[in-house]
């Protein structure tokens, strides 16, 4: 069978523009656009992209319900056999939008979805249950690999009449779903065999892989706090009034650097902002630290603070933020940092 496909992409890959066009509402175009051209060419007789939905990353993430309603109308009208979303690589807002489209198509319309993104994109962790997601590199430089991998999975989907095999067989990332299977050996036997292989240093494959977490060794405690310069860093989204740097409310791609006298409001979209907006010291305790400074408990409070939003932000992005912020703080003579969340 040849699939009728609707493809969702953002404003950049839709060839409309960059950040200055991230606010655009969904636009509908006939046929493939941008990466869809490569996918369409690779599919041959297996399928065809009949419509492309282009939506700005900011618009989708800041107006999710409206965006989904508009996209749902298109999908109900076209009635596609499959929805494609992305590839989003490590673009957090784009990944979240692709995931939101997948949830809509799968949950409300029972349309299967294939997407592609970097494993640390928050869209994968939050929405992997709703789509088959191909692993990509962390940037669009991996487009040459992403498109053939998406095409391969679509063709397998067609060949197997929608009944794809396990992730390791088909090449998509684990979805966090469990299915009952019949095997020759019962679970206790397989567990003992794996244990023996592990003890003997032999190669084995676990049936329940655990997530990978960085282990960070704590630094030595501060011995002389009264002579220590302390800075504040927050993932609670505290920014000056008006959010001049447009730090995103989720899946942040940036952080802000501000004077502690400029605190105004929160840009965070993951908690009730009322109390933080009334008094940002509730998230970023400048008032208490100024008291401690005047009492001689700490040596000095740094006049600059750094702020981003932790809501859905990729670990890879957070590491980049941390490295840049830490280097700047060291150059400014800061010896300790208090990191607050929400």
C-alpha atoms as a PDB file:
ATOM      1  CA  UNK A   1       0.000   0.000   0.000  1.00  0.00           C
ATOM      2  CA  UNK A   2       1.139   3.589  -0.667  1.00  0.00           C
ATOM      3  CA  UNK A   3       0.674   5.835   2.350  1.00  0.00           C
ATOM      4  CA  UNK A   4      -0.850   9.289   2.267  1.00  0.00           C
ATOM      5  CA  UNK A   5       1.353  11.293   4.646  1.00  0.00           C
ATOM      6  CA  UNK A   6       1.084  14.649   6.412  1.00  0.00           C
ATOM      7  CA  UNK A   7       4.423  16.153   7.467  1.00  0.00           C
ATOM      8  CA  UNK A   8       4.841  18.570  10.411  1.00  0.00           C
ATOM      9  CA  UNK A   9       7.887  20.892  10.417  1.00  0.00           C
ATOM     10  CA  UNK A  10       8.829  24.192  12.053  1.00  0.00           C
ATOM     11  CA  UNK A  11       9.284  27.625  10.502  1.00  0.00           C
ATOM     12  CA  UNK A  12      12.998  27.099   9.810  1.00  0.00           C
ATOM     13  CA  UNK A  13      12.703  23.818   7.922  1.00  0.00           C
ATOM     14  CA  UNK A  14       9.522  25.138   6.346  1.00  0.00           C
ATOM     15  CA  UNK A  15      11.771  27.770   4.694  1.00  0.00           C
ATOM     16  CA  UNK A  16       9.832  30.700   6.165  1.00  0.00           C
ATOM     17  CA  UNK A  17      12.512  32.068   8.495  1.00  0.00           C
ATOM     18  CA  UNK A  18      14.403  31.693  11.757  1.00  0.00           C
ATOM     19  CA  UNK A  19      13.682  33.023  15.241  1.00  0.00           C
ATOM     20  CA  UNK A  20      12.024  36.120  13.816  1.00  0.00           C
ATOM     21  CA  UNK A  21       9.294  33.834  12.399  1.00  0.00           C
ATOM     22  CA  UNK A  22       8.988  31.523  15.418  1.00  0.00           C
ATOM     23  CA  UNK A  23       5.643  33.154  16.263  1.00  0.00           C
ATOM     24  CA  UNK A  24       3.781  32.092  13.097  1.00  0.00           C
ATOM     25  CA  UNK A  25       0.601  30.047  13.459  1.00  0.00           C
ATOM     26  CA  UNK A  26       0.128  26.809  11.465  1.00  0.00           C
ATOM     27  CA  UNK A  27       0.338  27.187   7.696  1.00  0.00           C
ATOM     28  CA  UNK A  28      -0.706  24.446   5.298  1.00  0.00           C
ATOM     29  CA  UNK A  29       1.098  23.697   2.041  1.00  0.00           C
ATOM     30  CA  UNK A  30       0.483  21.041  -0.615  1.00  0.00           C
ATOM     31  CA  UNK A  31       3.153  18.392  -1.051  1.00  0.00           C
ATOM     32  CA  UNK A  32       6.594  18.161   0.556  1.00  0.00           C
ATOM     33  CA  UNK A  33       8.758  21.093   1.691  1.00  0.00           C
ATOM     34  CA  UNK A  34      12.326  21.235   3.000  1.00  0.00           C
ATOM     35  CA  UNK A  35      13.373  17.846   4.449  1.00  0.00           C
ATOM     36  CA  UNK A  36      10.077  16.455   3.160  1.00  0.00           C
ATOM     37  CA  UNK A  37      11.465  16.588  -0.367  1.00  0.00           C
ATOM     38  CA  UNK A  38      14.215  14.132   0.527  1.00  0.00           C
ATOM     39  CA  UNK A  39      11.807  11.874   2.388  1.00  0.00           C
ATOM     40  CA  UNK A  40       9.308  11.929  -0.482  1.00  0.00           C
ATOM     41  CA  UNK A  41      11.987  11.101  -3.041  1.00  0.00           C
ATOM     42  CA  UNK A  42      13.228   8.185  -0.958  1.00  0.00           C
ATOM     43  CA  UNK A  43       9.789   6.675  -0.454  1.00  0.00           C
ATOM     44  CA  UNK A  44       9.099   5.937  -4.098  1.00  0.00           C
ATOM     45  CA  UNK A  45       5.931   3.849  -4.354  1.00  0.00           C
ATOM     46  CA  UNK A  46       5.711   3.378  -0.569  1.00  0.00           C
ATOM     47  CA  UNK A  47       4.062   6.705   0.121  1.00  0.00           C
ATOM     48  CA  UNK A  48       3.645  10.375  -0.618  1.00  0.00           C
ATOM     49  CA  UNK A  49       3.628  13.544   1.476  1.00  0.00           C
ATOM     50  CA  UNK A  50       0.344  15.135   0.445  1.00  0.00           C
ATOM     51  CA  UNK A  51       0.335  18.047   2.908  1.00  0.00           C
ATOM     52  CA  UNK A  52       2.939  19.881   4.985  1.00  0.00           C
ATOM     53  CA  UNK A  53       2.041  21.715   8.188  1.00  0.00           C
ATOM     54  CA  UNK A  54       4.457  24.503   9.113  1.00  0.00           C
ATOM     55  CA  UNK A  55       4.261  26.092  12.553  1.00  0.00           C
ATOM     56  CA  UNK A  56       6.519  28.415  14.518  1.00  0.00           C
ATOM     57  CA  UNK A  57       8.209  26.864  17.545  1.00  0.00           C
ATOM     58  CA  UNK A  58       7.213  29.721  19.837  1.00  0.00           C
ATOM     59  CA  UNK A  59       3.635  29.677  18.618  1.00  0.00           C
ATOM     60  CA  UNK A  60       3.165  25.974  19.267  1.00  0.00           C
ATOM     61  CA  UNK A  61       4.770  25.991  22.714  1.00  0.00           C
ATOM     62  CA  UNK A  62       3.061  29.173  23.880  1.00  0.00           C
ATOM     63  CA  UNK A  63      -0.341  28.415  22.306  1.00  0.00           C
ATOM     64  CA  UNK A  64      -0.379  24.624  22.396  1.00  0.00           C
ATOM     65  CA  UNK A  65      -4.145  24.153  22.606  1.00  0.00           C
ATOM     66  CA  UNK A  66      -4.853  26.573  19.758  1.00  0.00           C
ATOM     67  CA  UNK A  67      -2.092  25.052  17.619  1.00  0.00           C
ATOM     68  CA  UNK A  68      -3.375  21.531  18.217  1.00  0.00           C
ATOM     69  CA  UNK A  69      -6.919  22.554  17.370  1.00  0.00           C
ATOM     70  CA  UNK A  70      -5.793  24.033  14.037  1.00  0.00           C
ATOM     71  CA  UNK A  71      -3.636  20.999  13.219  1.00  0.00           C
ATOM     72  CA  UNK A  72      -6.427  18.610  14.195  1.00  0.00           C
ATOM     73  CA  UNK A  73      -8.736  20.251  11.642  1.00  0.00           C
ATOM     74  CA  UNK A  74      -6.180  19.611   8.897  1.00  0.00           C
ATOM     75  CA  UNK A  75      -5.650  15.989   9.895  1.00  0.00           C
ATOM     76  CA  UNK A  76      -9.380  15.337  10.087  1.00  0.00           C
ATOM     77  CA  UNK A  77      -9.846  16.815   6.629  1.00  0.00           C
ATOM     78  CA  UNK A  78      -6.919  15.018   4.957  1.00  0.00           C
ATOM     79  CA  UNK A  79      -7.305  11.701   6.837  1.00  0.00           C
ATOM     80  CA  UNK A  80      -3.687  10.627   6.294  1.00  0.00           C
ATOM     81  CA  UNK A  81      -2.408   7.091   6.850  1.00  0.00           C
ATOM     82  CA  UNK A  82       0.676   8.410   8.652  1.00  0.00           C
ATOM     83  CA  UNK A  83       1.963  11.615  10.243  1.00  0.00           C
ATOM     84  CA  UNK A  84       5.638  12.558  10.105  1.00  0.00           C
ATOM     85  CA  UNK A  85       7.118  15.093  12.531  1.00  0.00           C
ATOM     86  CA  UNK A  86      10.603  16.537  12.215  1.00  0.00           C
ATOM     87  CA  UNK A  87      13.428  15.610  12.322  1.00  0.00           C
ATOM     88  CA  UNK A  88      13.889  17.940  15.310  1.00  0.00           C
ATOM     89  CA  UNK A  89      17.478  16.977  16.291  1.00  0.00           C
ATOM     90  CA  UNK A  90      18.272  18.655  19.660  1.00  0.00           C
ATOM     91  CA  UNK A  91      16.016  21.705  19.168  1.00  0.00           C
ATOM     92  CA  UNK A  92      13.960  21.536  22.371  1.00  0.00           C
ATOM     93  CA  UNK A  93      10.972  23.655  21.339  1.00  0.00           C
ATOM     94  CA  UNK A  94      10.793  21.906  17.971  1.00  0.00           C
ATOM     95  CA  UNK A  95      10.987  18.499  19.668  1.00  0.00           C
ATOM     96  CA  UNK A  96       8.222  19.429  22.086  1.00  0.00           C
ATOM     97  CA  UNK A  97       6.053  20.571  19.183  1.00  0.00           C
ATOM     98  CA  UNK A  98       6.704  17.342  17.260  1.00  0.00           C
ATOM     99  CA  UNK A  99       5.798  15.412  20.400  1.00  0.00           C
ATOM    100  CA  UNK A 100       2.636  17.444  20.875  1.00  0.00           C
ATOM    101  CA  UNK A 101       1.571  16.702  17.304  1.00  0.00           C
ATOM    102  CA  UNK A 102       2.314  13.013  17.872  1.00  0.00           C
ATOM    103  CA  UNK A 103       0.175  12.962  21.009  1.00  0.00           C
ATOM    104  CA  UNK A 104      -2.678  14.648  19.148  1.00  0.00           C
ATOM    105  CA  UNK A 105      -2.518  12.319  16.141  1.00  0.00           C
ATOM    106  CA  UNK A 106      -2.121   9.145  18.183  1.00  0.00           C
ATOM    107  CA  UNK A 107      -4.457   9.844  21.098  1.00  0.00           C
ATOM    108  CA  UNK A 108      -7.286  11.755  19.473  1.00  0.00           C
ATOM    109  CA  UNK A 109      -7.249  10.561  15.856  1.00  0.00           C
ATOM    110  CA  UNK A 110      -5.613   7.120  16.027  1.00  0.00           C
ATOM    111  CA  UNK A 111      -3.120   8.048  13.309  1.00  0.00           C
ATOM    112  CA  UNK A 112       0.370   6.480  13.624  1.00  0.00           C
ATOM    113  CA  UNK A 113       3.332   8.865  13.856  1.00  0.00           C
ATOM    114  CA  UNK A 114       7.005   8.607  12.924  1.00  0.00           C
ATOM    115  CA  UNK A 115       9.403  11.272  14.151  1.00  0.00           C
ATOM    116  CA  UNK A 116      13.140  11.768  14.654  1.00  0.00           C
ATOM    117  CA  UNK A 117      15.175  13.631  17.245  1.00  0.00           C
ATOM    118  CA  UNK A 118      18.220  13.553  19.497  1.00  0.00           C
ATOM    119  CA  UNK A 119      17.787  11.243  22.534  1.00  0.00           C
ATOM    120  CA  UNK A 120      18.251  14.148  24.977  1.00  0.00           C
ATOM    121  CA  UNK A 121      15.603  16.277  23.291  1.00  0.00           C
ATOM    122  CA  UNK A 122      12.837  16.695  25.911  1.00  0.00           C
ATOM    123  CA  UNK A 123      10.313  15.856  23.210  1.00  0.00           C
ATOM    124  CA  UNK A 124      11.568  12.260  23.207  1.00  0.00           C
ATOM    125  CA  UNK A 125      11.317  11.718  26.942  1.00  0.00           C
ATOM    126  CA  UNK A 126       7.868  13.310  27.201  1.00  0.00           C
ATOM    127  CA  UNK A 127       6.220  11.955  24.040  1.00  0.00           C
ATOM    128  CA  UNK A 128       8.008   8.737  23.072  1.00  0.00           C
ATOM    129  CA  UNK A 129       4.862   6.702  23.825  1.00  0.00           C
ATOM    130  CA  UNK A 130       3.044   8.384  20.956  1.00  0.00           C
ATOM    131  CA  UNK A 131       5.463   7.913  18.057  1.00  0.00           C
ATOM    132  CA  UNK A 132       8.181   5.781  16.572  1.00  0.00           C
ATOM    133  CA  UNK A 133      11.213   8.042  16.980  1.00  0.00           C
ATOM    134  CA  UNK A 134      14.434   7.660  15.022  1.00  0.00           C
ATOM    135  CA  UNK A 135      17.630   8.714  16.822  1.00  0.00           C
ATOM    136  CA  UNK A 136      19.442  11.657  15.198  1.00  0.00           C
ATOM    137  CA  UNK A 137      22.572  13.662  15.901  1.00  0.00           C
ATOM    138  CA  UNK A 138      22.250  16.797  18.049  1.00  0.00           C
ATOM    139  CA  UNK A 139      22.188  19.222  15.103  1.00  0.00           C
ATOM    140  CA  UNK A 140      20.840  19.581  11.580  1.00  0.00           C
ATOM    141  CA  UNK A 141      24.288  18.590  10.323  1.00  0.00           C
ATOM    142  CA  UNK A 142      22.955  15.036  10.719  1.00  0.00           C
ATOM    143  CA  UNK A 143      20.160  15.545   8.185  1.00  0.00           C
ATOM    144  CA  UNK A 144      21.863  13.274   5.622  1.00  0.00           C
ATOM    145  CA  UNK A 145      21.591  10.362   8.038  1.00  0.00           C
ATOM    146  CA  UNK A 146      18.211  11.287   9.508  1.00  0.00           C
ATOM    147  CA  UNK A 147      16.240  11.324   6.245  1.00  0.00           C
ATOM    148  CA  UNK A 148      17.337   7.849   4.996  1.00  0.00           C
ATOM    149  CA  UNK A 149      16.661   6.403   8.456  1.00  0.00           C
ATOM    150  CA  UNK A 150      13.164   7.869   8.488  1.00  0.00           C
ATOM    151  CA  UNK A 151      12.543   6.551   4.978  1.00  0.00           C
ATOM    152  CA  UNK A 152      13.764   3.088   5.984  1.00  0.00           C
ATOM    153  CA  UNK A 153      11.370   2.972   8.943  1.00  0.00           C
ATOM    154  CA  UNK A 154       8.426   4.178   6.848  1.00  0.00           C
ATOM    155  CA  UNK A 155       9.124   1.491   4.234  1.00  0.00           C
ATOM    156  CA  UNK A 156       9.323  -1.147   6.939  1.00  0.00           C
ATOM    157  CA  UNK A 157       6.023   0.134   8.326  1.00  0.00           C
ATOM    158  CA  UNK A 158       4.450  -0.258   4.864  1.00  0.00           C
ATOM    159  CA  UNK A 159       5.991  -3.677   4.248  1.00  0.00           C
ATOM    160  CA  UNK A 160       4.819  -5.008   7.609  1.00  0.00           C
ATOM    161  CA  UNK A 161       1.373  -3.429   7.302  1.00  0.00           C
ATOM    162  CA  UNK A 162       1.907  -1.232  10.345  1.00  0.00           C
ATOM    163  CA  UNK A 163       3.156  -4.023  12.604  1.00  0.00           C
ATOM    164  CA  UNK A 164       6.703  -2.896  13.364  1.00  0.00           C
ATOM    165  CA  UNK A 165       9.019  -5.098  15.385  1.00  0.00           C
ATOM    166  CA  UNK A 166      11.058  -4.215  18.460  1.00  0.00           C
ATOM    167  CA  UNK A 167      13.202  -1.060  18.570  1.00  0.00           C
ATOM    168  CA  UNK A 168      16.497  -2.923  18.130  1.00  0.00           C
ATOM    169  CA  UNK A 169      15.090  -4.716  15.072  1.00  0.00           C
ATOM    170  CA  UNK A 170      13.564  -1.677  13.341  1.00  0.00           C
ATOM    171  CA  UNK A 171      15.995   1.077  14.364  1.00  0.00           C
ATOM    172  CA  UNK A 172      13.740   3.370  16.400  1.00  0.00           C
ATOM    173  CA  UNK A 173      14.369   4.429  20.004  1.00  0.00           C
ATOM    174  CA  UNK A 174      12.628   2.584  22.880  1.00  0.00           C
ATOM    175  CA  UNK A 175       9.092   3.819  23.472  1.00  0.00           C
ATOM    176  CA  UNK A 176       8.740   2.828  27.107  1.00  0.00           C
ATOM    177  CA  UNK A 177       5.976   0.372  26.231  1.00  0.00           C
ATOM    178  CA  UNK A 178       5.786  -3.219  27.424  1.00  0.00           C
ATOM    179  CA  UNK A 179       4.285  -6.094  25.455  1.00  0.00           C
ATOM    180  CA  UNK A 180       3.840  -9.699  26.478  1.00  0.00           C
ATOM    181  CA  UNK A 181       5.993 -12.146  24.520  1.00  0.00           C
ATOM    182  CA  UNK A 182       6.364 -15.908  24.528  1.00  0.00           C
ATOM    183  CA  UNK A 183       9.927 -17.228  24.829  1.00  0.00           C
ATOM    184  CA  UNK A 184      11.485 -20.667  25.046  1.00  0.00           C
ATOM    185  CA  UNK A 185      12.937 -20.012  28.509  1.00  0.00           C
ATOM    186  CA  UNK A 186      11.136 -18.594  31.503  1.00  0.00           C
ATOM    187  CA  UNK A 187      12.243 -15.330  33.136  1.00  0.00           C
ATOM    188  CA  UNK A 188      14.101 -16.867  36.089  1.00  0.00           C
ATOM    189  CA  UNK A 189      16.232 -18.990  33.742  1.00  0.00           C
ATOM    190  CA  UNK A 190      17.067 -16.021  31.521  1.00  0.00           C
ATOM    191  CA  UNK A 191      17.969 -13.933  34.578  1.00  0.00           C
ATOM    192  CA  UNK A 192      20.383 -16.584  35.920  1.00  0.00           C
ATOM    193  CA  UNK A 193      21.987 -16.966  32.478  1.00  0.00           C
ATOM    194  CA  UNK A 194      22.523 -13.189  32.269  1.00  0.00           C
ATOM    195  CA  UNK A 195      24.010 -13.146  35.755  1.00  0.00           C
ATOM    196  CA  UNK A 196      26.461 -15.937  34.900  1.00  0.00           C
ATOM    197  CA  UNK A 197      27.538 -14.093  31.742  1.00  0.00           C
ATOM    198  CA  UNK A 198      28.048 -10.897  33.744  1.00  0.00           C
ATOM    199  CA  UNK A 199      30.145 -12.723  36.375  1.00  0.00           C
ATOM    200  CA  UNK A 200      32.261 -14.293  33.634  1.00  0.00           C
ATOM    201  CA  UNK A 201      32.751 -10.979  31.865  1.00  0.00           C
ATOM    202  CA  UNK A 202      30.857 -12.162  28.806  1.00  0.00           C
ATOM    203  CA  UNK A 203      28.634 -10.022  26.581  1.00  0.00           C
ATOM    204  CA  UNK A 204      24.945 -10.087  27.471  1.00  0.00           C
ATOM    205  CA  UNK A 205      21.873  -8.018  26.655  1.00  0.00           C
ATOM    206  CA  UNK A 206      19.614  -6.854  29.444  1.00  0.00           C
ATOM    207  CA  UNK A 207      15.861  -7.062  28.959  1.00  0.00           C
ATOM    208  CA  UNK A 208      15.328  -3.895  30.991  1.00  0.00           C
ATOM    209  CA  UNK A 209      17.952  -1.237  30.239  1.00  0.00           C
ATOM    210  CA  UNK A 210      18.313   1.435  32.899  1.00  0.00           C
ATOM    211  CA  UNK A 211      18.670   5.154  32.072  1.00  0.00           C
ATOM    212  CA  UNK A 212      22.139   6.688  32.040  1.00  0.00           C
ATOM    213  CA  UNK A 213      22.782   9.413  34.602  1.00  0.00           C
ATOM    214  CA  UNK A 214      25.928  11.468  35.008  1.00  0.00           C
ATOM    215  CA  UNK A 215      27.650  11.005  38.341  1.00  0.00           C
ATOM    216  CA  UNK A 216      29.141  14.282  39.503  1.00  0.00           C
ATOM    217  CA  UNK A 217      31.579  14.190  42.418  1.00  0.00           C
ATOM    218  CA  UNK A 218      30.777  16.912  44.989  1.00  0.00           C
ATOM    219  CA  UNK A 219      33.442  19.507  45.604  1.00  0.00           C
ATOM    220  CA  UNK A 220      34.987  20.068  49.014  1.00  0.00           C
ATOM    221  CA  UNK A 221      32.885  22.147  51.431  1.00  0.00           C
ATOM    222  CA  UNK A 222      33.631  25.857  51.797  1.00  0.00           C
ATOM    223  CA  UNK A 223      35.887  26.419  54.800  1.00  0.00           C
ATOM    224  CA  UNK A 224      35.705  30.213  55.104  1.00  0.00           C
ATOM    225  CA  UNK A 225      32.275  31.435  54.002  1.00  0.00           C
ATOM    226  CA  UNK A 226      32.846  34.849  55.578  1.00  0.00           C
ATOM    227  CA  UNK A 227      35.494  35.553  52.940  1.00  0.00           C
ATOM    228  CA  UNK A 228      33.730  33.916  50.009  1.00  0.00           C
ATOM    229  CA  UNK A 229      32.182  35.663  47.012  1.00  0.00           C
ATOM    230  CA  UNK A 230      28.828  34.034  46.283  1.00  0.00           C
ATOM    231  CA  UNK A 231      26.716  34.192  43.100  1.00  0.00           C
ATOM    232  CA  UNK A 232      23.150  33.193  42.331  1.00  0.00           C
ATOM    233  CA  UNK A 233      22.123  31.007  39.375  1.00  0.00           C
ATOM    234  CA  UNK A 234      18.568  29.802  38.812  1.00  0.00           C
ATOM    235  CA  UNK A 235      16.557  27.506  36.563  1.00  0.00           C
ATOM    236  CA  UNK A 236      13.433  29.191  37.926  1.00  0.00           C
ATOM    237  CA  UNK A 237      13.235  31.674  35.047  1.00  0.00           C
ATOM    238  CA  UNK A 238      13.618  34.944  37.000  1.00  0.00           C
ATOM    239  CA  UNK A 239      14.170  37.737  34.463  1.00  0.00           C
ATOM    240  CA  UNK A 240      13.730  41.518  34.283  1.00  0.00           C
ATOM    241  CA  UNK A 241      10.224  42.774  33.539  1.00  0.00           C
ATOM    242  CA  UNK A 242       9.266  42.046  29.952  1.00  0.00           C
ATOM    243  CA  UNK A 243      11.765  39.174  29.575  1.00  0.00           C
ATOM    244  CA  UNK A 244      14.095  41.212  27.316  1.00  0.00           C
ATOM    245  CA  UNK A 245      16.097  38.189  26.103  1.00  0.00           C
ATOM    246  CA  UNK A 246      12.960  36.122  25.433  1.00  0.00           C
ATOM    247  CA  UNK A 247      14.107  33.166  27.530  1.00  0.00           C
ATOM    248  CA  UNK A 248      11.660  30.429  26.544  1.00  0.00           C
ATOM    249  CA  UNK A 249       9.016  29.243  29.017  1.00  0.00           C
ATOM    250  CA  UNK A 250      10.032  25.631  28.339  1.00  0.00           C
ATOM    251  CA  UNK A 251      12.813  23.792  26.489  1.00  0.00           C
ATOM    252  CA  UNK A 252      15.098  26.796  26.872  1.00  0.00           C
ATOM    253  CA  UNK A 253      17.719  27.426  24.219  1.00  0.00           C
ATOM    254  CA  UNK A 254      19.370  30.286  26.138  1.00  0.00           C
ATOM    255  CA  UNK A 255      20.003  31.850  29.519  1.00  0.00           C
ATOM    256  CA  UNK A 256      20.088  35.456  30.682  1.00  0.00           C
ATOM    257  CA  UNK A 257      22.738  37.467  32.523  1.00  0.00           C
ATOM    258  CA  UNK A 258      21.289  40.254  34.688  1.00  0.00           C
ATOM    259  CA  UNK A 259      22.044  42.532  37.611  1.00  0.00           C
ATOM    260  CA  UNK A 260      20.461  41.440  40.890  1.00  0.00           C
ATOM    261  CA  UNK A 261      18.722  44.838  41.002  1.00  0.00           C
ATOM    262  CA  UNK A 262      16.860  43.974  37.765  1.00  0.00           C
ATOM    263  CA  UNK A 263      14.737  41.056  38.998  1.00  0.00           C
ATOM    264  CA  UNK A 264      11.158  41.462  37.843  1.00  0.00           C
ATOM    265  CA  UNK A 265       9.187  38.328  36.960  1.00  0.00           C
ATOM    266  CA  UNK A 266       9.464  34.698  35.969  1.00  0.00           C
ATOM    267  CA  UNK A 267       9.489  33.382  32.405  1.00  0.00           C
ATOM    268  CA  UNK A 268       8.980  29.793  33.583  1.00  0.00           C
ATOM    269  CA  UNK A 269       6.001  27.917  32.156  1.00  0.00           C
ATOM    270  CA  UNK A 270       6.092  24.935  34.481  1.00  0.00           C
ATOM    271  CA  UNK A 271       4.724  26.366  37.735  1.00  0.00           C
ATOM    272  CA  UNK A 272       2.188  28.959  38.913  1.00  0.00           C
ATOM    273  CA  UNK A 273       3.998  32.292  38.394  1.00  0.00           C
ATOM    274  CA  UNK A 274       1.789  34.406  40.679  1.00  0.00           C
ATOM    275  CA  UNK A 275       3.929  34.310  43.813  1.00  0.00           C
ATOM    276  CA  UNK A 276       7.233  34.579  41.945  1.00  0.00           C
ATOM    277  CA  UNK A 277       5.930  37.620  40.068  1.00  0.00           C
ATOM    278  CA  UNK A 278       4.756  39.190  43.318  1.00  0.00           C
ATOM    279  CA  UNK A 279       8.219  38.770  44.833  1.00  0.00           C
ATOM    280  CA  UNK A 280      11.010  37.165  42.737  1.00  0.00           C
ATOM    281  CA  UNK A 281      13.071  36.774  45.940  1.00  0.00           C
ATOM    282  CA  UNK A 282      10.912  33.687  46.545  1.00  0.00           C
ATOM    283  CA  UNK A 283      12.814  31.987  43.724  1.00  0.00           C
ATOM    284  CA  UNK A 284      16.053  33.969  43.739  1.00  0.00           C
ATOM    285  CA  UNK A 285      16.749  34.928  47.398  1.00  0.00           C
ATOM    286  CA  UNK A 286      18.677  38.148  46.871  1.00  0.00           C
ATOM    287  CA  UNK A 287      17.074  39.740  49.944  1.00  0.00           C
ATOM    288  CA  UNK A 288      18.276  37.013  52.324  1.00  0.00           C
ATOM    289  CA  UNK A 289      21.765  36.930  50.832  1.00  0.00           C
ATOM    290  CA  UNK A 290      22.080  40.705  51.136  1.00  0.00           C
ATOM    291  CA  UNK A 291      21.216  40.294  54.821  1.00  0.00           C
ATOM    292  CA  UNK A 292      23.854  37.574  55.175  1.00  0.00           C
ATOM    293  CA  UNK A 293      26.362  39.815  53.433  1.00  0.00           C
ATOM    294  CA  UNK A 294      25.672  42.712  55.831  1.00  0.00           C
ATOM    295  CA  UNK A 295      25.927  40.324  58.794  1.00  0.00           C
ATOM    296  CA  UNK A 296      29.307  39.059  57.607  1.00  0.00           C
ATOM    297  CA  UNK A 297      28.109  35.489  57.119  1.00  0.00           C
ATOM    298  CA  UNK A 298      29.235  35.608  53.470  1.00  0.00           C
ATOM    299  CA  UNK A 299      31.992  37.776  52.118  1.00  0.00           C
ATOM    300  CA  UNK A 300      30.204  39.275  49.114  1.00  0.00           C
ATOM    301  CA  UNK A 301      27.137  38.725  46.923  1.00  0.00           C
ATOM    302  CA  UNK A 302      27.976  38.919  43.229  1.00  0.00           C
ATOM    303  CA  UNK A 303      26.042  41.722  41.513  1.00  0.00           C
ATOM    304  CA  UNK A 304      25.207  39.539  38.484  1.00  0.00           C
ATOM    305  CA  UNK A 305      22.893  36.535  38.420  1.00  0.00           C
ATOM    306  CA  UNK A 306      22.226  33.997  35.657  1.00  0.00           C
ATOM    307  CA  UNK A 307      18.807  32.623  34.810  1.00  0.00           C
ATOM    308  CA  UNK A 308      17.265  30.022  32.519  1.00  0.00           C
ATOM    309  CA  UNK A 309      14.241  27.701  32.544  1.00  0.00           C
ATOM    310  CA  UNK A 310      14.660  24.065  33.503  1.00  0.00           C
ATOM    311  CA  UNK A 311      11.207  23.037  32.276  1.00  0.00           C
ATOM    312  CA  UNK A 312      11.864  20.445  29.545  1.00  0.00           C
ATOM    313  CA  UNK A 313      15.315  21.856  28.771  1.00  0.00           C
ATOM    314  CA  UNK A 314      17.690  19.282  27.279  1.00  0.00           C
ATOM    315  CA  UNK A 315      20.539  18.016  29.427  1.00  0.00           C
ATOM    316  CA  UNK A 316      22.976  18.773  26.614  1.00  0.00           C
ATOM    317  CA  UNK A 317      21.838  22.413  26.538  1.00  0.00           C
ATOM    318  CA  UNK A 318      22.090  22.678  30.324  1.00  0.00           C
ATOM    319  CA  UNK A 319      25.676  21.435  30.224  1.00  0.00           C
ATOM    320  CA  UNK A 320      26.601  24.106  27.681  1.00  0.00           C
ATOM    321  CA  UNK A 321      24.916  26.797  29.793  1.00  0.00           C
ATOM    322  CA  UNK A 322      26.721  25.597  32.922  1.00  0.00           C
ATOM    323  CA  UNK A 323      30.145  25.573  31.311  1.00  0.00           C
ATOM    324  CA  UNK A 324      29.767  29.099  29.926  1.00  0.00           C
ATOM    325  CA  UNK A 325      28.337  30.483  33.179  1.00  0.00           C
ATOM    326  CA  UNK A 326      30.996  28.782  35.323  1.00  0.00           C
ATOM    327  CA  UNK A 327      33.850  30.180  33.229  1.00  0.00           C
ATOM    328  CA  UNK A 328      32.439  33.706  33.508  1.00  0.00           C
ATOM    329  CA  UNK A 329      31.912  33.402  37.269  1.00  0.00           C
ATOM    330  CA  UNK A 330      35.458  32.150  37.812  1.00  0.00           C
ATOM    331  CA  UNK A 331      36.803  35.094  35.829  1.00  0.00           C
ATOM    332  CA  UNK A 332      34.720  37.395  38.057  1.00  0.00           C
ATOM    333  CA  UNK A 333      36.295  35.942  41.195  1.00  0.00           C
ATOM    334  CA  UNK A 334      33.227  34.042  42.361  1.00  0.00           C
ATOM    335  CA  UNK A 335      34.075  31.107  44.638  1.00  0.00           C
ATOM    336  CA  UNK A 336      30.635  29.621  45.343  1.00  0.00           C
ATOM    337  CA  UNK A 337      27.252  29.429  43.655  1.00  0.00           C
ATOM    338  CA  UNK A 338      23.768  28.891  45.031  1.00  0.00           C
ATOM    339  CA  UNK A 339      21.610  27.209  42.389  1.00  0.00           C
ATOM    340  CA  UNK A 340      17.859  27.573  42.898  1.00  0.00           C
ATOM    341  CA  UNK A 341      15.025  25.940  40.984  1.00  0.00           C
ATOM    342  CA  UNK A 342      11.304  26.679  41.375  1.00  0.00           C
END
